[in-house]
């Protein structure tokens, strides 16, 4: 379990369980978890 999980959804049953979370998000073409998303900003 990751204690400093960057996901803001602290009520998620997979919070801090990175492998389980990534596997869940890969099923059925769901979006990547928040911790793996890249946010682009305009300069």
Protein backbone atom coordinates (compact mmCIF):
# COMPACT_ATOMS: atom_id res chain seq x y z
CA UNK A 1 0.00 0.00 0.00
CA UNK A 2 1.28 3.46 -0.93
CA UNK A 3 0.94 5.90 1.94
CA UNK A 4 1.45 9.02 -0.19
CA UNK A 5 -1.01 8.09 -2.94
CA UNK A 6 -1.67 11.09 -5.20
CA UNK A 7 -5.25 10.11 -6.02
CA UNK A 8 -7.76 12.60 -4.60
CA UNK A 9 -10.45 9.89 -4.32
CA UNK A 10 -9.60 8.76 -0.78
CA UNK A 11 -12.89 6.85 -0.48
CA UNK A 12 -11.93 4.49 -3.32
CA UNK A 13 -11.40 0.89 -2.17
CA UNK A 14 -8.25 0.79 -4.35
CA UNK A 15 -6.74 4.00 -2.94
CA UNK A 16 -3.05 3.37 -2.32
CA UNK A 17 -3.16 -0.05 -4.01
CA UNK A 18 -1.42 0.94 -7.25
CA UNK A 19 -1.32 -2.42 -9.01
CA UNK A 20 -4.97 -3.13 -8.27
CA UNK A 21 -5.96 0.39 -9.31
CA UNK A 22 -4.10 0.29 -12.64
CA UNK A 23 -5.55 -3.15 -13.42
CA UNK A 24 -9.06 -1.84 -12.66
CA UNK A 25 -8.59 1.17 -14.94
CA UNK A 26 -7.24 -0.96 -17.80
CA UNK A 27 -10.42 -3.07 -17.86
CA UNK A 28 -12.90 -2.01 -20.49
CA UNK A 29 -10.94 1.01 -21.74
CA UNK A 30 -11.45 3.21 -18.69
CA UNK A 31 -9.38 6.39 -18.36
CA UNK A 32 -6.00 6.01 -16.63
CA UNK A 33 -5.93 6.64 -12.88
CA UNK A 34 -5.33 10.24 -11.81
CA UNK A 35 -1.75 9.47 -10.78
CA UNK A 36 -0.89 8.45 -14.37
CA UNK A 37 -2.58 11.33 -16.18
CA UNK A 38 -0.53 14.18 -17.54
CA UNK A 39 -2.04 17.61 -17.21
CA UNK A 40 -1.10 20.04 -19.95
CA UNK A 41 -1.01 23.75 -19.31
CA UNK A 42 -0.84 26.50 -21.86
CA UNK A 43 2.19 28.71 -21.77
